[in-house]
Amino acid sequence: PSESTSNNNHHRENEDKLIAKLQETWQVLYQELSPASTRFDDVEEIKEAFKAWKKRQQEQFDQEVRSAKHEKQEQKDEEEQEVEKQVIVETQDRYIATDG
């Protein structure tokens, strides 16, 4: 039984080593075969890509803020119009009540 267990452990170790080698090989192949436009080998390229991404994120955020402000202003305008309508109705009611 102990010899069988030893053989199983040895077999598993060999499989683990083989799997690790295959993973390394696949990683190298992936890096080498992936399109050059998606890889960054130069630190300056990485910095520029990050700056461009950061700029896009800021523009998107700014657009969302403008949109939210616009929506809030529209709501405020609608509320003010409702108040104005209510004032007109109340004024008319008072006029009718005092006139009648």
Protein backbone atom coordinates (compact mmCIF):
# COMPACT_ATOMS: atom_id res chain seq x y z
CA PRO A 1 0.00 0.00 0.00
CA SER A 2 2.77 2.51 0.82
CA GLU A 3 4.54 1.83 -2.50
CA SER A 4 1.24 2.45 -4.35
CA THR A 5 0.72 5.72 -2.46
CA SER A 6 4.27 6.76 -3.24
CA ASN A 7 3.73 6.06 -6.96
CA ASN A 8 0.47 8.05 -6.94
CA ASN A 9 2.17 11.02 -5.27
CA HIS A 10 5.06 10.85 -7.75
CA HIS A 11 2.59 10.67 -10.65
CA ARG A 12 0.68 13.72 -9.32
CA GLU A 13 3.90 15.70 -8.91
CA ASN A 14 4.82 14.93 -12.52
CA GLU A 15 1.35 15.99 -13.67
CA ASP A 16 1.62 19.23 -11.68
CA LYS A 17 5.02 19.97 -13.25
CA LEU A 18 3.66 19.24 -16.71
CA ILE A 19 0.64 21.49 -16.12
CA ALA A 20 2.89 24.32 -14.90
CA LYS A 21 5.08 23.99 -18.02
CA LEU A 22 2.01 24.00 -20.27
CA GLN A 23 0.68 27.13 -18.55
CA GLU A 24 4.01 28.88 -19.07
CA THR A 25 4.06 27.83 -22.71
CA TRP A 26 0.49 29.04 -23.30
CA GLN A 27 1.28 32.35 -21.62
CA VAL A 28 4.32 32.93 -23.85
CA LEU A 29 2.36 31.92 -26.95
CA TYR A 30 -0.49 34.23 -26.02
CA GLN A 31 1.85 37.16 -25.48
CA GLU A 32 3.72 36.53 -28.70
CA LEU A 33 0.65 35.92 -30.86
CA SER A 34 -1.60 38.63 -29.47
CA PRO A 35 -1.93 41.68 -31.71
CA ALA A 36 0.80 44.23 -31.16
CA SER A 37 -1.77 47.00 -30.76
CA THR A 38 -3.05 45.47 -27.54
CA ARG A 39 0.39 44.97 -26.00
CA PHE A 40 2.49 47.61 -24.28
CA ASP A 41 6.22 47.03 -24.16
CA ASP A 42 7.22 50.62 -23.53
CA VAL A 43 6.65 52.45 -20.24
CA GLU A 44 5.81 55.66 -22.14
CA GLU A 45 3.12 53.81 -24.13
CA ILE A 46 1.61 52.61 -20.88
CA LYS A 47 1.64 56.15 -19.46
CA GLU A 48 0.01 57.57 -22.60
CA ALA A 49 -2.62 54.84 -22.68
CA PHE A 50 -3.42 55.50 -19.03
CA LYS A 51 -3.65 59.25 -19.61
CA ALA A 52 -6.01 58.67 -22.56
CA TRP A 53 -8.15 56.31 -20.48
CA LYS A 54 -8.21 58.77 -17.58
CA LYS A 55 -9.25 61.58 -19.95
CA ARG A 56 -12.09 59.43 -21.36
CA GLN A 57 -13.25 58.61 -17.83
CA GLN A 58 -13.20 62.31 -16.85
CA GLU A 59 -15.15 63.29 -19.98
CA GLN A 60 -17.73 60.60 -19.26
CA PHE A 61 -18.03 61.76 -15.65
CA ASP A 62 -18.35 65.39 -16.72
CA GLN A 63 -21.11 64.45 -19.18
CA GLU A 64 -22.97 62.55 -16.45
CA VAL A 65 -22.68 65.55 -14.12
CA ARG A 66 -23.96 67.94 -16.83
CA SER A 67 -26.84 65.59 -17.56
CA ALA A 68 -27.76 65.32 -13.88
CA LYS A 69 -27.61 69.12 -13.46
CA HIS A 70 -29.78 69.60 -16.54
CA GLU A 71 -32.32 67.10 -15.26
CA LYS A 72 -32.36 68.77 -11.84
CA GLN A 73 -32.90 72.19 -13.45
CA GLU A 74 -35.79 70.82 -15.52
CA GLN A 75 -37.41 69.44 -12.36
CA LYS A 76 -36.94 72.78 -10.62
CA ASP A 77 -38.49 74.62 -13.59
CA GLU A 78 -41.47 72.26 -13.59
CA GLU A 79 -41.95 72.77 -9.85
CA GLU A 80 -41.81 76.55 -10.28
CA GLN A 81 -44.41 76.37 -13.06
CA GLU A 82 -46.68 74.32 -10.82
CA VAL A 83 -46.32 76.89 -8.02
CA GLU A 84 -47.11 79.70 -10.47
CA LYS A 85 -50.22 77.84 -11.68
CA GLN A 86 -51.34 77.30 -8.09
CA VAL A 87 -50.85 81.00 -7.29
CA ILE A 88 -52.92 81.95 -10.34
CA VAL A 89 -55.70 79.55 -9.36
CA GLU A 90 -55.74 80.82 -5.76
CA THR A 91 -55.75 84.42 -6.96
CA GLN A 92 -58.65 83.70 -9.31
CA ASP A 93 -60.53 81.90 -6.52
CA ARG A 94 -60.04 84.88 -4.19
CA TYR A 95 -61.17 87.29 -6.88
CA ILE A 96 -64.27 85.20 -7.58
CA ALA A 97 -65.01 84.89 -3.87
CA THR A 98 -64.72 88.63 -3.21
CA ASP A 99 -66.49 89.57 -6.44
CA GLY A 100 -69.44 87.31 -5.88
